[in-house]
Amino acid sequence: MLTPGSARLLTNELSRAKISIMALQEVRRSDTGETTVAGYDTHFCGMAPRWANFEEQVWHWLLTAMPIGRALCTWQPINDRILVANFKHSFGKLSIVAA
């Protein structure tokens, strides 16, 4: 995910496969934040894994298609291998755990 255009390639493939939510772990990236790429809201952040130097960051990515992205309430990396995302919908709350 460090090369330019890699996020665009990923979102194009997700769109082609009709995937609305995707979580990635152990992705290297140089910053933390949120952005929109080709119709997908992307949320990413990093944390140092327990086995690595502090400089080595493991990045979590959560990609959601635009309509679903508006339903995202919270997302939180628990550790270097687990990510939890909470969505609101008409029946209550949906929690997704990516491990």
PDB file of N, CA and C in Angstrom:
ATOM      1  N   MET A   1       0.813  -1.195   0.000  1.00  0.00           N
ATOM      2  CA  MET A   1       0.000   0.000   0.000  1.00  0.00           C
ATOM      3  C   MET A   1       0.857   1.260   0.000  1.00  0.00           C
ATOM      4  N   LEU A   2       2.168   1.101  -0.049  1.00  0.00           N
ATOM      5  CA  LEU A   2       3.043   2.263  -0.055  1.00  0.00           C
ATOM      6  C   LEU A   2       3.177   2.896  -1.430  1.00  0.00           C
ATOM      7  N   THR A   3       2.971   2.128  -2.485  1.00  0.00           N
ATOM      8  CA  THR A   3       3.148   2.671  -3.825  1.00  0.00           C
ATOM      9  C   THR A   3       1.958   3.526  -4.229  1.00  0.00           C
ATOM     10  N   PRO A   4       2.192   4.602  -4.978  1.00  0.00           N
ATOM     11  CA  PRO A   4       1.091   5.457  -5.426  1.00  0.00           C
ATOM     12  C   PRO A   4       0.112   4.678  -6.309  1.00  0.00           C
ATOM     13  N   GLY A   5      -1.168   4.867  -6.057  1.00  0.00           N
ATOM     14  CA  GLY A   5      -2.199   4.220  -6.858  1.00  0.00           C
ATOM     15  C   GLY A   5      -2.634   2.864  -6.344  1.00  0.00           C
ATOM     16  N   SER A   6      -1.984   2.342  -5.318  1.00  0.00           N
ATOM     17  CA  SER A   6      -2.356   1.017  -4.826  1.00  0.00           C
ATOM     18  C   SER A   6      -3.736   1.025  -4.159  1.00  0.00           C
ATOM     19  N   ALA A   7      -4.089   2.109  -3.470  1.00  0.00           N
ATOM     20  CA  ALA A   7      -5.419   2.201  -2.859  1.00  0.00           C
ATOM     21  C   ALA A   7      -6.495   2.257  -3.943  1.00  0.00           C
ATOM     22  N   ARG A   8      -6.217   2.958  -5.031  1.00  0.00           N
ATOM     23  CA  ARG A   8      -7.169   3.033  -6.153  1.00  0.00           C
ATOM     24  C   ARG A   8      -7.362   1.653  -6.786  1.00  0.00           C
ATOM     25  N   LEU A   9      -6.279   0.894  -6.957  1.00  0.00           N
ATOM     26  CA  LEU A   9      -6.382  -0.460  -7.502  1.00  0.00           C
ATOM     27  C   LEU A   9      -7.227  -1.354  -6.602  1.00  0.00           C
ATOM     28  N   LEU A  10      -7.005  -1.255  -5.298  1.00  0.00           N
ATOM     29  CA  LEU A  10      -7.756  -2.056  -4.350  1.00  0.00           C
ATOM     30  C   LEU A  10      -9.246  -1.714  -4.396  1.00  0.00           C
ATOM     31  N   THR A  11      -9.583  -0.431  -4.386  1.00  0.00           N
ATOM     32  CA  THR A  11     -10.999  -0.043  -4.417  1.00  0.00           C
ATOM     33  C   THR A  11     -11.657  -0.408  -5.734  1.00  0.00           C
ATOM     34  N   ASN A  12     -10.923  -0.360  -6.836  1.00  0.00           N
ATOM     35  CA  ASN A  12     -11.482  -0.792  -8.125  1.00  0.00           C
ATOM     36  C   ASN A  12     -11.837  -2.276  -8.097  1.00  0.00           C
ATOM     37  N   GLU A  13     -10.962  -3.098  -7.511  1.00  0.00           N
ATOM     38  CA  GLU A  13     -11.238  -4.533  -7.418  1.00  0.00           C
ATOM     39  C   GLU A  13     -12.397  -4.820  -6.461  1.00  0.00           C
ATOM     40  N   LEU A  14     -12.486  -4.084  -5.357  1.00  0.00           N
ATOM     41  CA  LEU A  14     -13.610  -4.261  -4.437  1.00  0.00           C
ATOM     42  C   LEU A  14     -14.923  -3.909  -5.120  1.00  0.00           C
ATOM     43  N   SER A  15     -14.927  -2.844  -5.881  1.00  0.00           N
ATOM     44  CA  SER A  15     -16.124  -2.429  -6.599  1.00  0.00           C
ATOM     45  C   SER A  15     -16.520  -3.463  -7.645  1.00  0.00           C
ATOM     46  N   ARG A  16     -15.548  -3.965  -8.360  1.00  0.00           N
ATOM     47  CA  ARG A  16     -15.811  -4.974  -9.398  1.00  0.00           C
ATOM     48  C   ARG A  16     -16.385  -6.248  -8.789  1.00  0.00           C
ATOM     49  N   ALA A  17     -15.896  -6.630  -7.601  1.00  0.00           N
ATOM     50  CA  ALA A  17     -16.368  -7.836  -6.925  1.00  0.00           C
ATOM     51  C   ALA A  17     -17.611  -7.590  -6.059  1.00  0.00           C
ATOM     52  N   LYS A  18     -18.082  -6.327  -6.021  1.00  0.00           N
ATOM     53  CA  LYS A  18     -19.260  -5.942  -5.241  1.00  0.00           C
ATOM     54  C   LYS A  18     -19.083  -6.232  -3.754  1.00  0.00           C
ATOM     55  N   ILE A  19     -17.919  -5.879  -3.221  1.00  0.00           N
ATOM     56  CA  ILE A  19     -17.620  -6.012  -1.795  1.00  0.00           C
ATOM     57  C   ILE A  19     -17.792  -4.638  -1.162  1.00  0.00           C
ATOM     58  N   SER A  20     -18.631  -4.553  -0.123  1.00  0.00           N
ATOM     59  CA  SER A  20     -18.951  -3.263   0.490  1.00  0.00           C
ATOM     60  C   SER A  20     -18.099  -2.945   1.716  1.00  0.00           C
ATOM     61  N   ILE A  21     -17.658  -3.964   2.444  1.00  0.00           N
ATOM     62  CA  ILE A  21     -16.846  -3.751   3.647  1.00  0.00           C
ATOM     63  C   ILE A  21     -15.643  -4.670   3.585  1.00  0.00           C
ATOM     64  N   MET A  22     -14.470  -4.106   3.849  1.00  0.00           N
ATOM     65  CA  MET A  22     -13.263  -4.921   3.885  1.00  0.00           C
ATOM     66  C   MET A  22     -12.325  -4.367   4.950  1.00  0.00           C
ATOM     67  N   ALA A  23     -11.740  -5.248   5.735  1.00  0.00           N
ATOM     68  CA  ALA A  23     -10.749  -4.859   6.741  1.00  0.00           C
ATOM     69  C   ALA A  23      -9.433  -5.531   6.416  1.00  0.00           C
ATOM     70  N   LEU A  24      -8.361  -4.780   6.513  1.00  0.00           N
ATOM     71  CA  LEU A  24      -7.021  -5.298   6.253  1.00  0.00           C
ATOM     72  C   LEU A  24      -6.155  -5.076   7.477  1.00  0.00           C
ATOM     73  N   GLN A  25      -5.350  -6.047   7.823  1.00  0.00           N
ATOM     74  CA  GLN A  25      -4.390  -5.910   8.897  1.00  0.00           C
ATOM     75  C   GLN A  25      -2.987  -6.089   8.327  1.00  0.00           C
ATOM     76  N   GLU A  26      -2.004  -5.621   9.060  1.00  0.00           N
ATOM     77  CA  GLU A  26      -0.598  -5.736   8.707  1.00  0.00           C
ATOM     78  C   GLU A  26      -0.284  -5.099   7.355  1.00  0.00           C
ATOM     79  N   VAL A  27      -0.858  -3.930   7.135  1.00  0.00           N
ATOM     80  CA  VAL A  27      -0.597  -3.154   5.925  1.00  0.00           C
ATOM     81  C   VAL A  27       0.310  -1.999   6.311  1.00  0.00           C
ATOM     82  N   ARG A  28       1.406  -1.819   5.597  1.00  0.00           N
ATOM     83  CA  ARG A  28       2.341  -0.740   5.930  1.00  0.00           C
ATOM     84  C   ARG A  28       1.905   0.548   5.243  1.00  0.00           C
ATOM     85  N   ARG A  29       1.890   1.630   6.006  1.00  0.00           N
ATOM     86  CA  ARG A  29       1.559   2.949   5.485  1.00  0.00           C
ATOM     87  C   ARG A  29       2.211   3.990   6.376  1.00  0.00           C
ATOM     88  N   SER A  30       2.462   5.179   5.851  1.00  0.00           N
ATOM     89  CA  SER A  30       3.257   6.155   6.583  1.00  0.00           C
ATOM     90  C   SER A  30       2.448   7.168   7.395  1.00  0.00           C
ATOM     91  N   ASP A  31       1.120   7.098   7.432  1.00  0.00           N
ATOM     92  CA  ASP A  31       0.349   8.078   8.178  1.00  0.00           C
ATOM     93  C   ASP A  31      -0.931   7.463   8.734  1.00  0.00           C
ATOM     94  N   THR A  32      -1.709   8.262   9.451  1.00  0.00           N
ATOM     95  CA  THR A  32      -2.968   7.840  10.055  1.00  0.00           C
ATOM     96  C   THR A  32      -4.047   8.825   9.631  1.00  0.00           C
ATOM     97  N   GLY A  33      -5.252   8.334   9.349  1.00  0.00           N
ATOM     98  CA  GLY A  33      -6.335   9.244   8.991  1.00  0.00           C
ATOM     99  C   GLY A  33      -7.473   8.576   8.270  1.00  0.00           C
ATOM    100  N   GLU A  34      -8.225   9.400   7.566  1.00  0.00           N
ATOM    101  CA  GLU A  34      -9.384   8.953   6.793  1.00  0.00           C
ATOM    102  C   GLU A  34      -9.366   9.668   5.450  1.00  0.00           C
ATOM    103  N   THR A  35      -9.816   8.978   4.431  1.00  0.00           N
ATOM    104  CA  THR A  35      -9.896   9.585   3.111  1.00  0.00           C
ATOM    105  C   THR A  35     -10.936   8.843   2.283  1.00  0.00           C
ATOM    106  N   THR A  36     -11.282   9.395   1.149  1.00  0.00           N
ATOM    107  CA  THR A  36     -12.201   8.750   0.217  1.00  0.00           C
ATOM    108  C   THR A  36     -11.448   8.453  -1.071  1.00  0.00           C
ATOM    109  N   VAL A  37     -11.528   7.208  -1.508  1.00  0.00           N
ATOM    110  CA  VAL A  37     -10.860   6.778  -2.737  1.00  0.00           C
ATOM    111  C   VAL A  37     -11.867   6.015  -3.574  1.00  0.00           C
ATOM    112  N   ALA A  38     -12.181   6.533  -4.749  1.00  0.00           N
ATOM    113  CA  ALA A  38     -13.028   5.854  -5.741  1.00  0.00           C
ATOM    114  C   ALA A  38     -14.318   5.287  -5.145  1.00  0.00           C
ATOM    115  N   GLY A  39     -15.037   6.093  -4.374  1.00  0.00           N
ATOM    116  CA  GLY A  39     -16.325   5.658  -3.837  1.00  0.00           C
ATOM    117  C   GLY A  39     -16.255   4.857  -2.550  1.00  0.00           C
ATOM    118  N   TYR A  40     -15.083   4.717  -1.974  1.00  0.00           N
ATOM    119  CA  TYR A  40     -14.909   4.010  -0.711  1.00  0.00           C
ATOM    120  C   TYR A  40     -14.324   4.948   0.330  1.00  0.00           C
ATOM    121  N   ASP A  41     -14.912   4.920   1.535  1.00  0.00           N
ATOM    122  CA  ASP A  41     -14.320   5.626   2.661  1.00  0.00           C
ATOM    123  C   ASP A  41     -13.249   4.715   3.241  1.00  0.00           C
ATOM    124  N   THR A  42     -12.042   5.217   3.399  1.00  0.00           N
ATOM    125  CA  THR A  42     -10.963   4.422   3.965  1.00  0.00           C
ATOM    126  C   THR A  42     -10.542   5.044   5.288  1.00  0.00           C
ATOM    127  N   HIS A  43     -10.405   4.213   6.295  1.00  0.00           N
ATOM    128  CA  HIS A  43      -9.969   4.617   7.623  1.00  0.00           C
ATOM    129  C   HIS A  43      -8.732   3.787   7.931  1.00  0.00           C
ATOM    130  N   PHE A  44      -7.666   4.437   8.375  1.00  0.00           N
ATOM    131  CA  PHE A  44      -6.437   3.691   8.639  1.00  0.00           C
ATOM    132  C   PHE A  44      -5.704   4.275   9.831  1.00  0.00           C
ATOM    133  N   CYS A  45      -5.059   3.404  10.584  1.00  0.00           N
ATOM    134  CA  CYS A  45      -4.243   3.829  11.708  1.00  0.00           C
ATOM    135  C   CYS A  45      -3.217   2.749  12.003  1.00  0.00           C
ATOM    136  N   GLY A  46      -2.208   3.103  12.777  1.00  0.00           N
ATOM    137  CA  GLY A  46      -1.135   2.164  13.058  1.00  0.00           C
ATOM    138  C   GLY A  46      -0.924   1.946  14.536  1.00  0.00           C
ATOM    139  N   MET A  47      -0.316   0.829  14.837  1.00  0.00           N
ATOM    140  CA  MET A  47       0.086   0.522  16.200  1.00  0.00           C
ATOM    141  C   MET A  47       1.316  -0.365  16.141  1.00  0.00           C
ATOM    142  N   ALA A  48       2.164  -0.247  17.141  1.00  0.00           N
ATOM    143  CA  ALA A  48       3.369  -1.061  17.184  1.00  0.00           C
ATOM    144  C   ALA A  48       3.014  -2.444  17.710  1.00  0.00           C
ATOM    145  N   PRO A  49       3.342  -3.498  16.984  1.00  0.00           N
ATOM    146  CA  PRO A  49       3.066  -4.847  17.483  1.00  0.00           C
ATOM    147  C   PRO A  49       3.956  -5.174  18.673  1.00  0.00           C
ATOM    148  N   ARG A  50       3.500  -6.108  19.477  1.00  0.00           N
ATOM    149  CA  ARG A  50       4.217  -6.435  20.709  1.00  0.00           C
ATOM    150  C   ARG A  50       5.592  -7.057  20.451  1.00  0.00           C
ATOM    151  N   TRP A  51       5.825  -7.606  19.265  1.00  0.00           N
ATOM    152  CA  TRP A  51       7.076  -8.298  18.969  1.00  0.00           C
ATOM    153  C   TRP A  51       8.075  -7.433  18.210  1.00  0.00           C
ATOM    154  N   ALA A  52       7.727  -6.205  17.869  1.00  0.00           N
ATOM    155  CA  ALA A  52       8.577  -5.397  16.992  1.00  0.00           C
ATOM    156  C   ALA A  52       9.130  -4.174  17.709  1.00  0.00           C
ATOM    157  N   ASN A  53      10.059  -3.508  17.057  1.00  0.00           N
ATOM    158  CA  ASN A  53      10.546  -2.220  17.534  1.00  0.00           C
ATOM    159  C   ASN A  53       9.417  -1.211  17.459  1.00  0.00           C
ATOM    160  N   PHE A  54       9.508  -0.134  18.229  1.00  0.00           N
ATOM    161  CA  PHE A  54       8.453   0.870  18.217  1.00  0.00           C
ATOM    162  C   PHE A  54       8.336   1.546  16.861  1.00  0.00           C
ATOM    163  N   GLU A  55       9.442   1.621  16.109  1.00  0.00           N
ATOM    164  CA  GLU A  55       9.400   2.278  14.802  1.00  0.00           C
ATOM    165  C   GLU A  55       8.600   1.472  13.776  1.00  0.00           C
ATOM    166  N   GLU A  56       8.524   0.159  13.968  1.00  0.00           N
ATOM    167  CA  GLU A  56       7.795  -0.685  13.030  1.00  0.00           C
ATOM    168  C   GLU A  56       6.311  -0.623  13.371  1.00  0.00           C
ATOM    169  N   GLN A  57       5.533  -0.115  12.462  1.00  0.00           N
ATOM    170  CA  GLN A  57       4.102   0.031  12.694  1.00  0.00           C
ATOM    171  C   GLN A  57       3.319  -0.987  11.862  1.00  0.00           C
ATOM    172  N   VAL A  58       2.284  -1.541  12.432  1.00  0.00           N
ATOM    173  CA  VAL A  58       1.339  -2.389  11.713  1.00  0.00           C
ATOM    174  C   VAL A  58       0.080  -1.564  11.531  1.00  0.00           C
ATOM    175  N   TRP A  59      -0.350  -1.413  10.304  1.00  0.00           N
ATOM    176  CA  TRP A  59      -1.479  -0.531  10.001  1.00  0.00           C
ATOM    177  C   TRP A  59      -2.739  -1.329   9.757  1.00  0.00           C
ATOM    178  N   HIS A  60      -3.816  -0.867  10.336  1.00  0.00           N
ATOM    179  CA  HIS A  60      -5.142  -1.443  10.102  1.00  0.00           C
ATOM    180  C   HIS A  60      -5.879  -0.545   9.109  1.00  0.00           C
ATOM    181  N   TRP A  61      -6.526  -1.143   8.153  1.00  0.00           N
ATOM    182  CA  TRP A  61      -7.344  -0.402   7.190  1.00  0.00           C
ATOM    183  C   TRP A  61      -8.758  -0.928   7.247  1.00  0.00           C
ATOM    184  N   LEU A  62      -9.733  -0.028   7.213  1.00  0.00           N
ATOM    185  CA  LEU A  62     -11.137  -0.386   7.086  1.00  0.00           C
ATOM    186  C   LEU A  62     -11.665   0.353   5.877  1.00  0.00           C
ATOM    187  N   LEU A  63     -12.149  -0.382   4.881  1.00  0.00           N
ATOM    188  CA  LEU A  63     -12.700   0.217   3.674  1.00  0.00           C
ATOM    189  C   LEU A  63     -14.188  -0.070   3.627  1.00  0.00           C
ATOM    190  N   THR A  64     -15.006   0.965   3.444  1.00  0.00           N
ATOM    191  CA  THR A  64     -16.452   0.805   3.355  1.00  0.00           C
ATOM    192  C   THR A  64     -16.961   1.568   2.136  1.00  0.00           C
ATOM    193  N   ALA A  65     -17.894   0.965   1.414  1.00  0.00           N
ATOM    194  CA  ALA A  65     -18.533   1.655   0.294  1.00  0.00           C
ATOM    195  C   ALA A  65     -19.300   2.846   0.853  1.00  0.00           C
ATOM    196  N   MET A  66     -19.494   3.879   0.040  1.00  0.00           N
ATOM    197  CA  MET A  66     -20.058   5.151   0.514  1.00  0.00           C
ATOM    198  C   MET A  66     -21.348   5.021   1.315  1.00  0.00           C
ATOM    199  N   PRO A  67     -22.391   4.336   0.839  1.00  0.00           N
ATOM    200  CA  PRO A  67     -23.622   4.294   1.643  1.00  0.00           C
ATOM    201  C   PRO A  67     -23.407   3.612   2.994  1.00  0.00           C
ATOM    202  N   ILE A  68     -22.585   2.594   3.034  1.00  0.00           N
ATOM    203  CA  ILE A  68     -22.328   1.873   4.276  1.00  0.00           C
ATOM    204  C   ILE A  68     -21.421   2.691   5.175  1.00  0.00           C
ATOM    205  N   GLY A  69     -20.520   3.447   4.600  1.00  0.00           N
ATOM    206  CA  GLY A  69     -19.601   4.272   5.370  1.00  0.00           C
ATOM    207  C   GLY A  69     -20.310   5.300   6.232  1.00  0.00           C
ATOM    208  N   ARG A  70     -21.480   5.761   5.792  1.00  0.00           N
ATOM    209  CA  ARG A  70     -22.246   6.720   6.597  1.00  0.00           C
ATOM    210  C   ARG A  70     -22.832   6.071   7.849  1.00  0.00           C
ATOM    211  N   ALA A  71     -22.989   4.746   7.849  1.00  0.00           N
ATOM    212  CA  ALA A  71     -23.541   4.033   9.001  1.00  0.00           C
ATOM    213  C   ALA A  71     -22.465   3.664  10.026  1.00  0.00           C
ATOM    214  N   LEU A  72     -21.192   3.912   9.717  1.00  0.00           N
ATOM    215  CA  LEU A  72     -20.107   3.574  10.631  1.00  0.00           C
ATOM    216  C   LEU A  72     -20.146   4.484  11.853  1.00  0.00           C
ATOM    217  N   CYS A  73     -20.268   3.888  13.041  1.00  0.00           N
ATOM    218  CA  CYS A  73     -20.266   4.660  14.289  1.00  0.00           C
ATOM    219  C   CYS A  73     -18.852   4.774  14.833  1.00  0.00           C
ATOM    220  N   THR A  74     -18.227   3.640  15.088  1.00  0.00           N
ATOM    221  CA  THR A  74     -16.871   3.621  15.629  1.00  0.00           C
ATOM    222  C   THR A  74     -16.083   2.487  14.995  1.00  0.00           C
ATOM    223  N   TRP A  75     -14.790   2.647  14.994  1.00  0.00           N
ATOM    224  CA  TRP A  75     -13.894   1.545  14.623  1.00  0.00           C
ATOM    225  C   TRP A  75     -12.652   1.680  15.468  1.00  0.00           C
ATOM    226  N   GLN A  76     -12.155   0.548  15.928  1.00  0.00           N
ATOM    227  CA  GLN A  76     -11.043   0.583  16.867  1.00  0.00           C
ATOM    228  C   GLN A  76     -10.157  -0.645  16.687  1.00  0.00           C
ATOM    229  N   PRO A  77      -8.866  -0.427  16.479  1.00  0.00           N
ATOM    230  CA  PRO A  77      -7.940  -1.556  16.504  1.00  0.00           C
ATOM    231  C   PRO A  77      -7.721  -1.984  17.963  1.00  0.00           C
ATOM    232  N   ILE A  78      -7.926  -3.242  18.249  1.00  0.00           N
ATOM    233  CA  ILE A  78      -7.759  -3.769  19.599  1.00  0.00           C
ATOM    234  C   ILE A  78      -6.286  -4.083  19.862  1.00  0.00           C
ATOM    235  N   ASN A  79      -5.661  -4.770  18.933  1.00  0.00           N
ATOM    236  CA  ASN A  79      -4.229  -5.031  18.997  1.00  0.00           C
ATOM    237  C   ASN A  79      -3.712  -5.128  17.572  1.00  0.00           C
ATOM    238  N   ASP A  80      -2.530  -5.702  17.369  1.00  0.00           N
ATOM    239  CA  ASP A  80      -1.957  -5.727  16.033  1.00  0.00           C
ATOM    240  C   ASP A  80      -2.647  -6.714  15.099  1.00  0.00           C
ATOM    241  N   ARG A  81      -3.608  -7.504  15.586  1.00  0.00           N
ATOM    242  CA  ARG A  81      -4.282  -8.486  14.744  1.00  0.00           C
ATOM    243  C   ARG A  81      -5.809  -8.385  14.740  1.00  0.00           C
ATOM    244  N   ILE A  82      -6.401  -7.555  15.566  1.00  0.00           N
ATOM    245  CA  ILE A  82      -7.860  -7.494  15.688  1.00  0.00           C
ATOM    246  C   ILE A  82      -8.349  -6.059  15.519  1.00  0.00           C
ATOM    247  N   LEU A  83      -9.419  -5.907  14.736  1.00  0.00           N
ATOM    248  CA  LEU A  83     -10.066  -4.629  14.494  1.00  0.00           C
ATOM    249  C   LEU A  83     -11.568  -4.811  14.710  1.00  0.00           C
ATOM    250  N   VAL A  84     -12.208  -3.876  15.430  1.00  0.00           N
ATOM    251  CA  VAL A  84     -13.654  -3.933  15.679  1.00  0.00           C
ATOM    252  C   VAL A  84     -14.294  -2.685  15.083  1.00  0.00           C
ATOM    253  N   ALA A  85     -15.352  -2.878  14.299  1.00  0.00           N
ATOM    254  CA  ALA A  85     -16.100  -1.765  13.706  1.00  0.00           C
ATOM    255  C   ALA A  85     -17.569  -1.902  14.091  1.00  0.00           C
ATOM    256  N   ASN A  86     -18.196  -0.789  14.487  1.00  0.00           N
ATOM    257  CA  ASN A  86     -19.612  -0.770  14.864  1.00  0.00           C
ATOM    258  C   ASN A  86     -20.380   0.083  13.857  1.00  0.00           C
ATOM    259  N   PHE A  87     -21.476  -0.471  13.367  1.00  0.00           N
ATOM    260  CA  PHE A  87     -22.340   0.211  12.408  1.00  0.00           C
ATOM    261  C   PHE A  87     -23.732   0.309  12.996  1.00  0.00           C
ATOM    262  N   LYS A  88     -24.451   1.400  12.682  1.00  0.00           N
ATOM    263  CA  LYS A  88     -25.848   1.519  13.099  1.00  0.00           C
ATOM    264  C   LYS A  88     -26.731   1.212  11.890  1.00  0.00           C
ATOM    265  N   HIS A  89     -27.872   0.578  12.150  1.00  0.00           N
ATOM    266  CA  HIS A  89     -28.839   0.308  11.091  1.00  0.00           C
ATOM    267  C   HIS A  89     -30.236   0.338  11.686  1.00  0.00           C
ATOM    268  N   SER A  90     -31.225   0.077  10.880  1.00  0.00           N
ATOM    269  CA  SER A  90     -32.612   0.242  11.321  1.00  0.00           C
ATOM    270  C   SER A  90     -33.022  -0.737  12.422  1.00  0.00           C
ATOM    271  N   PHE A  91     -32.299  -1.839  12.591  1.00  0.00           N
ATOM    272  CA  PHE A  91     -32.626  -2.817  13.623  1.00  0.00           C
ATOM    273  C   PHE A  91     -31.766  -2.689  14.866  1.00  0.00           C
ATOM    274  N   GLY A  92     -30.841  -1.747  14.892  1.00  0.00           N
ATOM    275  CA  GLY A  92     -29.972  -1.575  16.053  1.00  0.00           C
ATOM    276  C   GLY A  92     -28.529  -1.359  15.653  1.00  0.00           C
ATOM    277  N   LYS A  93     -27.640  -2.186  16.199  1.00  0.00           N
ATOM    278  CA  LYS A  93     -26.215  -2.032  15.985  1.00  0.00           C
ATOM    279  C   LYS A  93     -25.619  -3.326  15.432  1.00  0.00           C
ATOM    280  N   LEU A  94     -24.688  -3.183  14.524  1.00  0.00           N
ATOM    281  CA  LEU A  94     -23.969  -4.327  13.944  1.00  0.00           C
ATOM    282  C   LEU A  94     -22.494  -4.150  14.263  1.00  0.00           C
ATOM    283  N   SER A  95     -21.893  -5.155  14.863  1.00  0.00           N
ATOM    284  CA  SER A  95     -20.464  -5.131  15.167  1.00  0.00           C
ATOM    285  C   SER A  95     -19.749  -6.131  14.296  1.00  0.00           C
ATOM    286  N   ILE A  96     -18.652  -5.707  13.682  1.00  0.00           N
ATOM    287  CA  ILE A  96     -17.847  -6.576  12.843  1.00  0.00           C
ATOM    288  C   ILE A  96     -16.478  -6.682  13.490  1.00  0.00           C
ATOM    289  N   VAL A  97     -16.007  -7.909  13.668  1.00  0.00           N
ATOM    290  CA  VAL A  97     -14.682  -8.150  14.208  1.00  0.00           C
ATOM    291  C   VAL A  97     -13.839  -8.757  13.096  1.00  0.00           C
ATOM    292  N   ALA A  98     -12.748  -8.085  12.758  1.00  0.00           N
ATOM    293  CA  ALA A  98     -11.827  -8.592  11.748  1.00  0.00           C
ATOM    294  C   ALA A  98     -10.578  -9.075  12.461  1.00  0.00           C
ATOM    295  N   ALA A  99     -10.260 -10.345  12.269  1.00  0.00           N
ATOM    296  CA  ALA A  99      -9.101 -10.931  12.936  1.00  0.00           C
ATOM    297  C   ALA A  99      -8.184 -11.603  11.936  1.00  0.00           C
TER     298      ALA A  99
END
